[in-house]
Amino acid sequence: MLSLDSIRRKLAEPTTSVQLGLLGIVAGLASALVIILFRLTIEKLQFQFIDEFDNFTRLDESTRLLLPIAGAVLIALMAMLSRDKHYRMGIPFVVHWVKIRYGAMPFKNALNQFVAGAIALVSGFSVGREGPAVHIGASSASFFGDWLKLPYNCIRTLTGCGIAAGISASFNTPLAAVVFVMEVVFREYKIHIFIPIMLAAVIGAIMTRLVFGHTNELSFFNLTDFSHVNYLYLLICSVAVSFVAAIFNFSLMKIMRSTKPMRIYYRLLLAALITALIGYFVPQALGSGVGAIQFAINGSNEFIATETLGYIFAILVAKFVATIVALGMGIPGGIVGPVLGLGVLLGALFGYLSQYLGFGDGEIALYAAVCMAGLMAASLHSPLAALVALLELTANPGVIAPAMLVIAVSYTLSVQVFGNKSIFIQQLEYSRLSYRLSPATSTLQKVGVLAELNTDFQIIDNADDDEVSHYLRALPKGHSLVIRDNYEMGCEYKIAEFLDTHDNHPQVNYWPLQGISSQATLAEAFDLVKKQREGAVYVYQDNVEHFIGLIHFEQLRQLLLERTS
């Protein structure tokens, strides 16, 4: 029977293991259960006043005016009670914590994200549920890993498992969830990380299908065969998609910067007032995007040509404004859902335009689907995740070729012509949340100190130079001598060695030792010794006096040479 300590040592290594796979499944299960509870909470509350999920069109005008305001008041009250001057939630916040702090998410933020995110979605704000899903999923998995006191490199992987399971449980798209984690959150592909994340995504999909069935937001899409003649028209659509993505990102960041001096309570209420006015005149623009998607595809089939074009365009503009206002002013929620809705509306607009011009027939849903993927790729800089999500949501391989064209063209034009950066990166830079790591730190963060722990040492207490010299001469080759100085307030450690081993009476030299937790990675050890480029750090378990081993600078230097060669 493996002990927990031996499991921790195995998990400290950056290798594929049965232990990590099993933990990924458990982390995925924990995340999926919380996300399912989150979804059920939203649906239960929404069905108190609407009879179709995310469809606010049947509410009377006064309710559509009051609902966002009531929601903003509750969210502001939560901010006041939790003493948050601003909400730092969602995907950019999670990316920062995964990169810099191994995904060890703070509990208060997770609780705020669950409650405030549910309120925002119930109240009709144009935000998505994937932001809360990523945040809550990451938190659930990281809490589990920290409870077991697992190495931080393992907790980071489990956080990715929680995110994948959260997205999978939220949208029923397990493969897209895996790709999103690797492409957007981790921004790298490592097989030992990929396997447990894939297992967690499967668990998320199984759990959500048990509760909500096999359907998703685009299950009603009736995709017809796409005429190859219209591929030239798709190029025009791609240019428009790239332009809209750039304008969307620019406008969102502009609102964030413009409203930054305002207190969060005023920003939330202003966002509610604008959303209420939009909802009063254009109720299809309310909600996460499901209502807008359904209307764009099914709700306007009886209208023809210019009447439909004008109606879809009005909803597109209203949805655009409602989204950038809600997200830019601090309403907690995700960006992916509204972006999908905007993409569908934009694609439907081009589909109806093609019918009006006389060269399209029955291809509205296909235009909507490929433009949705294109806008997601261009705005979020996640082309592969967008393509996979589209394939899973539509369950139609015939959409792949036109979608690849739109994604490739719109993403390239968005980056090169319009200079558009990922909205997540822009939000990170605006919030001054670091997400870049040096090559050395990135390499060493993947290995826990337990994987390289040097246990060849001897500890002696309160020894003078003569005693130390005696012990050093008797010490086996390759072993280290550690001196422990005991004080009333605790103890300090230092490592002793001879300066010149060829001298008959060599001088003893001492290196003070700083301690790091057994959960730490080699990156933390490197930070402590990189200035002097010699010496060592000691590793403790549970408390600073429980000395379990050493990490020498030479070990770190050698590992960096091996990993970068």
Protein backbone atom coordinates (compact mmCIF):
# COMPACT_ATOMS: atom_id res chain seq x y z
CA MET A 1 0.00 0.00 0.00
CA LEU A 2 1.49 3.32 -1.04
CA SER A 3 1.76 5.97 1.65
CA LEU A 4 0.65 9.55 1.05
CA ASP A 5 4.27 10.70 1.35
CA SER A 6 5.40 8.32 -1.40
CA ILE A 7 2.51 9.48 -3.59
CA ARG A 8 3.53 13.10 -3.06
CA ARG A 9 7.09 12.29 -4.09
CA LYS A 10 5.83 10.60 -7.24
CA LEU A 11 3.57 13.55 -8.07
CA ALA A 12 6.49 15.95 -7.69
CA GLU A 13 7.95 14.45 -10.85
CA PRO A 14 6.77 15.86 -14.21
CA THR A 15 5.80 12.46 -15.58
CA THR A 16 2.61 10.64 -16.51
CA SER A 17 1.44 8.46 -13.63
CA VAL A 18 -1.55 6.45 -12.50
CA GLN A 19 -1.68 8.52 -9.31
CA LEU A 20 -1.97 11.79 -11.22
CA GLY A 21 -4.62 10.34 -13.51
CA LEU A 22 -6.73 9.16 -10.57
CA LEU A 23 -6.39 12.52 -8.84
CA GLY A 24 -7.42 14.21 -12.09
CA ILE A 25 -10.59 12.12 -12.12
CA VAL A 26 -11.39 13.04 -8.51
CA ALA A 27 -10.65 16.73 -9.14
CA GLY A 28 -12.84 16.60 -12.25
CA LEU A 29 -15.65 15.01 -10.28
CA ALA A 30 -15.46 17.66 -7.56
CA SER A 31 -15.43 20.45 -10.14
CA ALA A 32 -18.29 18.95 -12.16
CA LEU A 33 -20.50 18.59 -9.07
CA VAL A 34 -20.01 22.25 -8.15
CA ILE A 35 -20.65 23.42 -11.73
CA ILE A 36 -23.81 21.31 -11.93
CA LEU A 37 -24.98 22.90 -8.69
CA PHE A 38 -24.17 26.31 -10.21
CA ARG A 39 -26.19 25.55 -13.36
CA LEU A 40 -29.12 24.15 -11.39
CA THR A 41 -29.13 27.25 -9.19
CA ILE A 42 -29.34 29.53 -12.24
CA GLU A 43 -32.05 27.47 -13.91
CA LYS A 44 -34.11 27.14 -10.71
CA LEU A 45 -34.04 30.90 -10.15
CA GLN A 46 -34.68 31.81 -13.79
CA PHE A 47 -37.66 29.49 -14.05
CA GLN A 48 -39.33 31.44 -11.26
CA PHE A 49 -40.16 34.19 -13.76
CA ILE A 50 -39.44 32.85 -17.29
CA ASP A 51 -40.59 29.60 -18.88
CA GLU A 52 -37.63 29.10 -21.25
CA PHE A 53 -34.00 29.23 -20.14
CA ASP A 54 -32.21 32.50 -20.97
CA ASN A 55 -35.24 33.80 -22.93
CA PHE A 56 -36.28 37.16 -21.47
CA THR A 57 -38.48 38.20 -24.41
CA ARG A 58 -41.75 37.16 -22.73
CA LEU A 59 -41.18 39.29 -19.64
CA ASP A 60 -43.16 42.49 -19.42
CA GLU A 61 -41.34 45.80 -19.86
CA SER A 62 -41.32 46.76 -16.19
CA THR A 63 -39.75 43.44 -15.16
CA ARG A 64 -37.08 43.78 -17.84
CA LEU A 65 -36.28 47.22 -16.43
CA LEU A 66 -36.15 46.20 -12.78
CA LEU A 67 -34.43 42.81 -13.04
CA PRO A 68 -30.89 44.02 -13.94
CA ILE A 69 -31.08 46.81 -11.36
CA ALA A 70 -32.09 44.37 -8.62
CA GLY A 71 -29.26 42.07 -9.67
CA ALA A 72 -26.70 44.87 -9.58
CA VAL A 73 -27.84 45.90 -6.10
CA LEU A 74 -27.35 42.35 -4.83
CA ILE A 75 -23.92 42.07 -6.47
CA ALA A 76 -22.90 45.46 -5.02
CA LEU A 77 -24.11 44.32 -1.60
CA MET A 78 -21.91 41.23 -1.89
CA ALA A 79 -18.93 43.40 -2.79
CA MET A 80 -19.64 45.58 0.22
CA LEU A 81 -19.97 42.65 2.63
CA SER A 82 -16.80 40.99 1.32
CA ARG A 83 -14.99 44.36 1.30
CA ASP A 84 -13.92 43.98 -2.31
CA LYS A 85 -13.10 47.28 -3.97
CA HIS A 86 -13.23 45.48 -7.29
CA TYR A 87 -14.05 41.99 -8.44
CA ARG A 88 -11.11 40.01 -9.74
CA MET A 89 -12.72 36.94 -11.15
CA GLY A 90 -13.09 34.89 -14.28
CA ILE A 91 -10.63 33.54 -16.81
CA PRO A 92 -7.90 36.27 -16.72
CA PHE A 93 -7.72 36.04 -12.92
CA VAL A 94 -7.46 32.24 -13.13
CA VAL A 95 -4.72 32.43 -15.80
CA HIS A 96 -2.70 34.67 -13.47
CA TRP A 97 -3.09 32.36 -10.49
CA VAL A 98 -2.27 29.27 -12.53
CA LYS A 99 0.88 30.82 -13.98
CA ILE A 100 2.20 32.59 -10.90
CA ARG A 101 0.64 30.80 -7.91
CA TYR A 102 0.05 27.27 -9.20
CA GLY A 103 -3.72 27.72 -9.25
CA ALA A 104 -4.07 27.84 -5.46
CA MET A 105 -7.22 29.98 -5.64
CA PRO A 106 -8.45 32.09 -2.69
CA PHE A 107 -11.69 30.81 -1.18
CA LYS A 108 -13.40 34.21 -0.90
CA ASN A 109 -13.05 34.88 -4.62
CA ALA A 110 -14.50 31.48 -5.46
CA LEU A 111 -17.49 32.05 -3.19
CA ASN A 112 -18.08 35.51 -4.64
CA GLN A 113 -17.81 34.11 -8.16
CA PHE A 114 -20.43 31.44 -7.47
CA VAL A 115 -23.00 33.73 -5.87
CA ALA A 116 -22.38 36.92 -7.86
CA GLY A 117 -22.03 35.02 -11.13
CA ALA A 118 -25.36 33.27 -10.55
CA ILE A 119 -27.05 36.60 -9.73
CA ALA A 120 -25.65 38.22 -12.89
CA LEU A 121 -26.86 35.40 -15.12
CA VAL A 122 -30.29 35.24 -13.49
CA SER A 123 -30.67 39.01 -13.80
CA GLY A 124 -30.27 39.01 -17.57
CA PHE A 125 -26.84 40.61 -17.89
CA SER A 126 -25.03 39.81 -21.11
CA VAL A 127 -22.32 37.66 -19.54
CA GLY A 128 -21.45 33.99 -19.97
CA ARG A 129 -21.40 31.17 -17.47
CA GLU A 130 -18.02 29.86 -18.64
CA GLY A 131 -16.17 32.54 -16.63
CA PRO A 132 -17.67 31.37 -13.34
CA ALA A 133 -17.30 27.76 -14.52
CA VAL A 134 -13.55 28.19 -15.07
CA HIS A 135 -13.09 30.05 -11.77
CA ILE A 136 -15.21 27.71 -9.66
CA GLY A 137 -13.83 24.60 -11.35
CA ALA A 138 -10.24 25.74 -10.78
CA SER A 139 -10.98 26.56 -7.14
CA SER A 140 -12.66 23.22 -6.43
CA ALA A 141 -9.69 21.27 -7.77
CA SER A 142 -7.05 23.45 -6.11
CA PHE A 143 -8.80 23.23 -2.72
CA PHE A 144 -8.74 19.44 -3.05
CA GLY A 145 -5.03 19.40 -3.92
CA ASP A 146 -4.11 21.79 -1.12
CA TRP A 147 -6.15 19.76 1.38
CA LEU A 148 -3.94 16.75 0.57
CA LYS A 149 -0.84 18.99 0.72
CA LEU A 150 0.22 17.87 -2.74
CA PRO A 151 3.21 19.46 -4.51
CA TYR A 152 2.40 22.75 -6.16
CA ASN A 153 3.30 21.47 -9.62
CA CYS A 154 0.65 18.78 -9.11
CA ILE A 155 -1.90 21.31 -7.79
CA ARG A 156 -1.40 23.33 -10.97
CA THR A 157 -2.22 20.27 -13.06
CA LEU A 158 -5.27 19.53 -10.90
CA THR A 159 -6.38 23.13 -11.37
CA GLY A 160 -6.29 22.53 -15.11
CA CYS A 161 -8.35 19.38 -14.52
CA GLY A 162 -10.90 21.44 -12.60
CA ILE A 163 -11.11 24.01 -15.39
CA ALA A 164 -11.55 21.34 -18.07
CA ALA A 165 -14.22 19.54 -16.06
CA GLY A 166 -15.95 22.86 -15.36
CA ILE A 167 -16.12 23.84 -19.04
CA SER A 168 -17.12 20.32 -20.04
CA ALA A 169 -19.88 20.23 -17.42
CA SER A 170 -21.04 23.69 -18.44
CA PHE A 171 -21.23 23.21 -22.24
CA ASN A 172 -21.04 19.43 -22.72
CA THR A 173 -17.90 19.87 -24.85
CA PRO A 174 -15.12 17.74 -23.31
CA LEU A 175 -12.61 17.97 -26.17
CA ALA A 176 -13.00 21.73 -26.53
CA ALA A 177 -12.53 22.02 -22.76
CA VAL A 178 -9.19 20.20 -22.96
CA VAL A 179 -8.00 22.31 -25.90
CA PHE A 180 -9.10 25.53 -24.18
CA VAL A 181 -7.11 24.69 -21.05
CA MET A 182 -3.97 23.89 -23.03
CA GLU A 183 -4.33 26.76 -25.54
CA VAL A 184 -5.60 29.61 -23.35
CA VAL A 185 -4.79 28.81 -19.71
CA PHE A 186 -1.55 26.80 -19.75
CA ARG A 187 -0.43 27.98 -23.22
CA GLU A 188 1.67 24.82 -23.63
CA TYR A 189 1.22 21.11 -24.39
CA LYS A 190 2.79 18.55 -22.05
CA ILE A 191 1.67 14.94 -22.20
CA HIS A 192 1.81 14.37 -18.43
CA ILE A 193 -0.55 17.35 -18.01
CA PHE A 194 -2.72 16.48 -20.99
CA ILE A 195 -3.73 12.99 -19.79
CA PRO A 196 -5.28 13.90 -16.39
CA ILE A 197 -6.96 16.97 -17.89
CA MET A 198 -8.49 14.75 -20.57
CA LEU A 199 -9.78 12.33 -17.91
CA ALA A 200 -11.27 15.21 -15.92
CA ALA A 201 -13.04 16.56 -19.01
CA VAL A 202 -14.58 13.13 -19.61
CA ILE A 203 -15.88 13.06 -16.04
CA GLY A 204 -17.34 16.55 -16.51
CA ALA A 205 -19.14 15.47 -19.68
CA ILE A 206 -20.51 12.28 -18.08
CA MET A 207 -21.80 14.15 -15.04
CA THR A 208 -23.52 16.90 -17.03
CA ARG A 209 -25.12 14.36 -19.38
CA LEU A 210 -26.49 12.43 -16.41
CA VAL A 211 -28.18 15.59 -15.11
CA PHE A 212 -28.97 17.67 -18.21
CA GLY A 213 -28.95 15.10 -21.01
CA HIS A 214 -26.87 15.13 -24.21
CA THR A 215 -28.11 18.45 -25.58
CA ASN A 216 -26.28 21.78 -25.74
CA GLU A 217 -26.94 25.34 -26.86
CA LEU A 218 -26.54 24.52 -30.56
CA SER A 219 -28.35 21.17 -30.64
CA PHE A 220 -31.21 22.77 -32.57
CA PHE A 221 -28.90 23.92 -35.40
CA ASN A 222 -30.03 22.42 -38.69
CA LEU A 223 -26.90 22.68 -40.82
CA THR A 224 -27.34 22.19 -44.56
CA ASP A 225 -24.66 21.42 -47.13
CA PHE A 226 -22.60 24.47 -47.98
CA SER A 227 -22.21 25.42 -51.62
CA HIS A 228 -18.59 25.71 -52.68
CA VAL A 229 -19.49 28.77 -54.73
CA ASN A 230 -20.12 30.65 -51.49
CA TYR A 231 -16.57 30.22 -50.18
CA LEU A 232 -15.66 33.56 -51.77
CA TYR A 233 -18.51 35.13 -49.84
CA LEU A 234 -17.09 33.53 -46.68
CA LEU A 235 -13.89 35.52 -47.21
CA ILE A 236 -15.93 38.73 -46.98
CA CYS A 237 -17.58 37.38 -43.84
CA SER A 238 -14.14 36.64 -42.39
CA VAL A 239 -13.00 40.23 -42.90
CA ALA A 240 -16.11 41.47 -41.11
CA VAL A 241 -15.59 38.98 -38.27
CA SER A 242 -12.00 40.13 -37.74
CA PHE A 243 -13.11 43.76 -37.70
CA VAL A 244 -15.91 43.10 -35.20
CA ALA A 245 -13.50 41.15 -32.97
CA ALA A 246 -11.04 44.06 -32.94
CA ILE A 247 -13.79 46.60 -32.25
CA PHE A 248 -15.22 44.40 -29.51
CA ASN A 249 -11.89 44.00 -27.69
CA PHE A 250 -11.05 47.68 -28.10
CA SER A 251 -14.47 48.84 -26.86
CA LEU A 252 -14.43 46.52 -23.86
CA MET A 253 -10.99 47.70 -22.74
CA LYS A 254 -11.99 51.33 -23.39
CA ILE A 255 -14.96 51.02 -21.03
CA MET A 256 -12.81 49.30 -18.40
CA ARG A 257 -10.29 52.15 -18.48
CA SER A 258 -12.91 54.91 -18.64
CA THR A 259 -14.89 53.65 -15.65
CA LYS A 260 -11.89 52.69 -13.53
CA PRO A 261 -12.05 55.88 -11.36
CA MET A 262 -15.65 55.08 -10.39
CA ARG A 263 -16.37 53.06 -7.26
CA ILE A 264 -17.52 49.55 -7.98
CA TYR A 265 -21.03 50.19 -6.62
CA TYR A 266 -21.63 53.05 -9.06
CA ARG A 267 -20.20 51.05 -11.96
CA LEU A 268 -22.46 48.10 -11.24
CA LEU A 269 -25.55 50.31 -11.03
CA LEU A 270 -24.64 52.17 -14.22
CA ALA A 271 -24.20 48.84 -16.02
CA ALA A 272 -27.61 47.77 -14.70
CA LEU A 273 -29.32 50.95 -15.93
CA ILE A 274 -27.86 50.60 -19.43
CA THR A 275 -28.73 46.89 -19.54
CA ALA A 276 -32.27 47.64 -18.34
CA LEU A 277 -32.79 50.19 -21.11
CA ILE A 278 -31.44 47.80 -23.73
CA GLY A 279 -33.65 45.01 -22.37
CA TYR A 280 -36.71 47.28 -22.46
CA PHE A 281 -36.37 47.90 -26.19
CA VAL A 282 -34.47 44.76 -27.35
CA PRO A 283 -35.16 41.87 -24.94
CA GLN A 284 -33.34 39.39 -27.22
CA ALA A 285 -30.07 41.07 -26.19
CA LEU A 286 -30.47 40.03 -22.55
CA GLY A 287 -28.89 36.93 -21.10
CA SER A 288 -25.77 34.90 -21.78
CA GLY A 289 -26.44 34.53 -25.51
CA VAL A 290 -28.66 31.48 -25.78
CA GLY A 291 -31.77 33.59 -26.40
CA ALA A 292 -30.05 35.61 -29.12
CA ILE A 293 -28.76 32.44 -30.79
CA GLN A 294 -32.20 30.83 -30.84
CA PHE A 295 -33.84 33.95 -32.25
CA ALA A 296 -31.20 34.41 -34.94
CA ILE A 297 -31.68 30.85 -36.21
CA ASN A 298 -35.33 30.02 -35.50
CA GLY A 299 -37.15 33.10 -34.34
CA SER A 300 -37.06 35.13 -37.54
CA ASN A 301 -37.60 32.50 -40.21
CA GLU A 302 -40.99 33.99 -41.02
CA PHE A 303 -39.46 37.37 -41.82
CA ILE A 304 -37.91 38.06 -45.17
CA ALA A 305 -35.03 40.12 -46.49
CA THR A 306 -34.77 43.72 -45.32
CA GLU A 307 -37.12 43.35 -42.36
CA THR A 308 -35.05 40.44 -41.03
CA LEU A 309 -31.76 42.19 -41.76
CA GLY A 310 -32.79 45.25 -39.80
CA TYR A 311 -34.07 43.22 -36.87
CA ILE A 312 -30.94 41.04 -36.64
CA PHE A 313 -28.70 44.08 -36.95
CA ALA A 314 -30.54 45.84 -34.11
CA ILE A 315 -30.14 42.80 -31.85
CA LEU A 316 -26.45 42.54 -32.80
CA VAL A 317 -25.77 46.16 -31.86
CA ALA A 318 -27.81 45.88 -28.65
CA LYS A 319 -26.05 42.64 -27.66
CA PHE A 320 -22.67 44.20 -28.43
CA VAL A 321 -23.34 47.22 -26.21
CA ALA A 322 -24.92 45.15 -23.41
CA THR A 323 -21.89 42.84 -23.33
CA ILE A 324 -19.13 45.44 -23.26
CA VAL A 325 -21.05 47.48 -20.67
CA ALA A 326 -21.64 44.53 -18.35
CA LEU A 327 -18.15 43.07 -18.58
CA GLY A 328 -16.37 46.42 -18.79
CA MET A 329 -18.06 47.78 -15.67
CA GLY A 330 -17.40 44.76 -13.50
CA ILE A 331 -20.47 42.53 -13.68
CA PRO A 332 -19.11 39.06 -12.78
CA GLY A 333 -19.43 36.62 -15.64
CA GLY A 334 -17.70 35.17 -18.67
CA ILE A 335 -16.98 36.54 -22.10
CA VAL A 336 -17.19 33.38 -24.21
CA GLY A 337 -20.99 33.00 -24.07
CA PRO A 338 -21.75 36.53 -25.30
CA VAL A 339 -19.04 36.24 -27.96
CA LEU A 340 -20.69 33.07 -29.25
CA GLY A 341 -24.02 34.90 -29.33
CA LEU A 342 -22.52 37.86 -31.18
CA GLY A 343 -20.86 35.52 -33.68
CA VAL A 344 -24.14 33.74 -34.37
CA LEU A 345 -25.95 37.05 -34.86
CA LEU A 346 -23.23 38.30 -37.20
CA GLY A 347 -23.26 35.06 -39.18
CA ALA A 348 -27.05 35.07 -39.39
CA LEU A 349 -26.90 38.64 -40.66
CA PHE A 350 -24.60 37.56 -43.50
CA GLY A 351 -26.81 34.54 -44.15
CA TYR A 352 -29.94 36.65 -44.56
CA LEU A 353 -27.97 39.14 -46.64
CA SER A 354 -26.94 36.34 -49.00
CA GLN A 355 -30.60 35.38 -49.41
CA TYR A 356 -31.54 38.99 -50.06
CA LEU A 357 -28.82 39.23 -52.71
CA GLY A 358 -30.09 36.04 -54.29
CA PHE A 359 -27.21 33.55 -53.96
CA GLY A 360 -28.02 31.85 -50.66
CA ASP A 361 -30.73 29.43 -49.74
CA GLY A 362 -31.25 27.79 -46.36
CA GLU A 363 -27.69 28.30 -45.13
CA ILE A 364 -28.41 30.70 -42.25
CA ALA A 365 -27.38 28.25 -39.55
CA LEU A 366 -24.11 27.41 -41.30
CA TYR A 367 -23.13 31.06 -41.70
CA ALA A 368 -24.03 31.59 -38.03
CA ALA A 369 -21.96 28.61 -36.89
CA VAL A 370 -18.76 29.43 -38.78
CA CYS A 371 -18.88 33.14 -37.90
CA MET A 372 -19.41 32.19 -34.26
CA ALA A 373 -16.20 30.14 -34.34
CA GLY A 374 -14.37 32.89 -36.21
CA LEU A 375 -15.31 35.57 -33.69
CA MET A 376 -14.28 33.35 -30.79
CA ALA A 377 -10.92 32.65 -32.41
CA ALA A 378 -10.24 36.29 -33.32
CA SER A 379 -11.35 37.80 -30.01
CA LEU A 380 -9.99 35.22 -27.57
CA HIS A 381 -7.02 34.06 -29.70
CA SER A 382 -8.10 30.45 -29.38
CA PRO A 383 -8.46 29.17 -32.97
CA LEU A 384 -8.16 25.46 -32.21
CA ALA A 385 -10.52 25.64 -29.22
CA ALA A 386 -13.03 27.52 -31.39
CA LEU A 387 -12.90 24.90 -34.13
CA VAL A 388 -13.23 21.97 -31.73
CA ALA A 389 -16.04 23.67 -29.79
CA LEU A 390 -17.94 24.24 -33.03
CA LEU A 391 -17.53 20.62 -34.07
CA GLU A 392 -18.76 19.35 -30.70
CA LEU A 393 -21.64 21.80 -30.43
CA THR A 394 -22.96 21.10 -33.93
CA ALA A 395 -21.97 17.40 -34.18
CA ASN A 396 -21.54 17.97 -37.92
CA PRO A 397 -18.14 17.31 -39.57
CA GLY A 398 -19.36 19.12 -42.69
CA VAL A 399 -18.81 22.41 -40.87
CA ILE A 400 -15.06 21.87 -40.49
CA ALA A 401 -13.82 23.13 -43.88
CA PRO A 402 -15.76 26.43 -43.99
CA ALA A 403 -15.06 27.00 -40.29
CA MET A 404 -11.32 26.51 -40.80
CA LEU A 405 -11.37 29.09 -43.58
CA VAL A 406 -13.22 31.68 -41.50
CA ILE A 407 -11.14 31.00 -38.38
CA ALA A 408 -7.81 31.21 -40.20
CA VAL A 409 -8.63 34.38 -42.14
CA SER A 410 -10.40 36.24 -39.34
CA TYR A 411 -7.72 35.39 -36.77
CA THR A 412 -4.86 36.40 -39.08
CA LEU A 413 -6.49 39.68 -40.12
CA SER A 414 -7.42 40.47 -36.52
CA VAL A 415 -3.80 40.09 -35.42
CA GLN A 416 -1.89 41.53 -38.37
CA VAL A 417 -4.21 44.17 -39.81
CA PHE A 418 -6.04 45.37 -36.71
CA GLY A 419 -3.33 44.62 -34.13
CA ASN A 420 -5.85 42.84 -31.94
CA LYS A 421 -4.49 40.97 -28.92
CA SER A 422 -6.30 38.31 -26.94
CA ILE A 423 -8.91 39.93 -24.73
CA PHE A 424 -7.67 37.83 -21.82
CA ILE A 425 -4.11 39.10 -22.26
CA GLN A 426 -5.36 42.69 -22.52
CA GLN A 427 -7.34 42.26 -19.30
CA LEU A 428 -4.31 40.77 -17.53
CA GLU A 429 -2.08 43.64 -18.61
CA TYR A 430 -4.71 46.21 -17.67
CA SER A 431 -5.11 44.67 -14.20
CA ARG A 432 -1.32 44.39 -13.86
CA LEU A 433 -1.59 40.67 -13.25
CA SER A 434 1.59 38.96 -14.41
CA TYR A 435 1.33 35.91 -16.64
CA ARG A 436 4.78 35.63 -18.20
CA LEU A 437 7.52 33.47 -16.72
CA SER A 438 11.23 33.31 -17.46
CA PRO A 439 12.37 30.11 -19.21
CA ALA A 440 14.21 29.00 -16.05
CA THR A 441 11.20 29.56 -13.80
CA SER A 442 8.85 27.88 -16.28
CA THR A 443 11.11 24.82 -16.40
CA LEU A 444 11.66 24.53 -12.66
CA GLN A 445 8.00 25.07 -11.77
CA LYS A 446 7.18 21.74 -13.36
CA VAL A 447 9.24 19.81 -10.80
CA GLY A 448 8.46 19.58 -7.09
CA VAL A 449 11.28 19.74 -4.55
CA LEU A 450 10.38 16.23 -3.37
CA ALA A 451 11.43 14.86 -6.75
CA GLU A 452 15.01 16.13 -6.34
CA LEU A 453 15.29 16.01 -2.56
CA ASN A 454 18.80 15.29 -1.28
CA THR A 455 18.56 13.19 1.88
CA ASP A 456 22.31 12.55 2.29
CA PHE A 457 22.91 14.82 5.26
CA GLN A 458 23.71 14.81 8.95
CA ILE A 459 22.39 17.33 11.48
CA ILE A 460 24.29 18.37 14.62
CA ASP A 461 23.18 20.88 17.23
CA ASN A 462 24.97 24.03 18.43
CA ALA A 463 28.45 22.90 17.40
CA ASP A 464 31.62 25.02 17.45
CA ASP A 465 34.26 25.08 14.69
CA ASP A 466 36.32 22.23 16.16
CA GLU A 467 33.30 19.95 16.40
CA VAL A 468 32.23 20.89 12.92
CA SER A 469 35.72 20.12 11.54
CA HIS A 470 35.63 16.73 13.24
CA TYR A 471 32.24 15.85 11.76
CA LEU A 472 33.21 17.09 8.31
CA ARG A 473 36.27 14.83 8.23
CA ALA A 474 34.18 11.83 9.27
CA LEU A 475 31.35 12.61 6.87
CA PRO A 476 30.85 10.14 3.98
CA LYS A 477 31.62 11.50 0.53
CA GLY A 478 28.67 13.33 -1.04
CA HIS A 479 26.95 13.96 2.30
CA SER A 480 26.21 17.41 3.72
CA LEU A 481 26.65 18.61 7.29
CA VAL A 482 23.88 20.80 8.68
CA ILE A 483 24.26 22.82 11.87
CA ARG A 484 21.11 23.50 13.84
CA ASP A 485 21.21 26.47 16.21
CA ASN A 486 18.39 26.17 18.72
CA TYR A 487 16.77 29.28 20.19
CA GLU A 488 13.79 29.91 22.42
CA MET A 489 11.78 31.11 19.43
CA GLY A 490 12.76 28.17 17.22
CA CYS A 491 15.87 27.16 15.33
CA GLU A 492 18.05 28.15 12.40
CA TYR A 493 19.97 25.95 9.99
CA LYS A 494 23.24 26.43 8.16
CA ILE A 495 25.37 24.15 6.04
CA ALA A 496 29.08 23.70 6.80
CA GLU A 497 31.90 22.84 4.41
CA PHE A 498 35.66 23.20 4.14
CA LEU A 499 36.91 26.06 1.99
CA ASP A 500 40.03 24.19 0.82
CA THR A 501 40.02 20.43 1.14
CA HIS A 502 43.77 20.19 0.23
CA ASP A 503 44.82 22.21 3.27
CA ASN A 504 45.82 20.25 6.38
CA HIS A 505 43.90 22.72 8.53
CA PRO A 506 41.17 23.98 6.24
CA GLN A 507 38.87 26.78 7.32
CA VAL A 508 35.21 25.98 7.89
CA ASN A 509 32.74 27.99 5.89
CA TYR A 510 29.02 28.32 6.70
CA TRP A 511 26.08 28.94 4.37
CA PRO A 512 22.84 30.01 6.02
CA LEU A 513 19.92 27.89 4.88
CA GLN A 514 16.50 29.25 4.06
CA GLY A 515 13.58 26.86 4.24
CA ILE A 516 10.83 26.04 1.76
CA SER A 517 7.76 23.85 2.13
CA SER A 518 7.71 20.30 0.79
CA GLN A 519 4.86 21.46 -1.47
CA ALA A 520 7.14 23.94 -3.24
CA THR A 521 8.73 23.50 -6.64
CA LEU A 522 12.33 23.91 -7.69
CA ALA A 523 11.47 27.42 -8.90
CA GLU A 524 11.09 28.62 -5.29
CA ALA A 525 14.38 26.96 -4.37
CA PHE A 526 16.10 28.61 -7.33
CA ASP A 527 14.78 32.05 -6.33
CA LEU A 528 16.51 31.71 -2.95
CA VAL A 529 19.96 30.76 -4.26
CA LYS A 530 20.19 32.30 -7.74
CA LYS A 531 21.87 35.52 -6.56
CA GLN A 532 24.86 33.90 -4.86
CA ARG A 533 24.80 30.98 -7.35
CA GLU A 534 25.92 28.53 -4.69
CA GLY A 535 24.72 27.07 -1.40
CA ALA A 536 21.47 25.24 -0.77
CA VAL A 537 17.99 25.50 0.73
CA TYR A 538 16.38 23.10 3.16
CA VAL A 539 12.99 21.52 2.73
CA TYR A 540 10.59 21.12 5.64
CA GLN A 541 7.32 19.26 6.02
CA ASP A 542 4.35 20.63 7.99
CA ASN A 543 6.51 23.04 10.04
CA VAL A 544 9.89 24.74 9.62
CA GLU A 545 11.57 22.52 12.23
CA HIS A 546 10.67 19.29 10.45
CA PHE A 547 13.82 19.15 8.29
CA ILE A 548 13.54 16.48 5.57
CA GLY A 549 16.20 17.30 3.00
CA LEU A 550 18.27 19.72 0.93
CA ILE A 551 18.20 21.18 -2.56
CA HIS A 552 21.65 22.34 -3.73
CA PHE A 553 22.22 25.05 -6.31
CA GLU A 554 24.32 22.64 -8.35
CA GLN A 555 21.29 20.33 -8.66
CA LEU A 556 19.23 23.18 -10.03
CA ARG A 557 21.92 24.27 -12.45
CA GLN A 558 22.35 20.74 -13.76
CA LEU A 559 18.61 20.26 -14.17
CA LEU A 560 18.30 23.50 -16.15
CA LEU A 561 21.14 22.41 -18.43
CA GLU A 562 19.48 19.04 -19.04
CA ARG A 563 16.01 20.48 -19.69
CA THR A 564 17.22 23.20 -22.07
CA SER A 565 19.77 21.14 -23.99
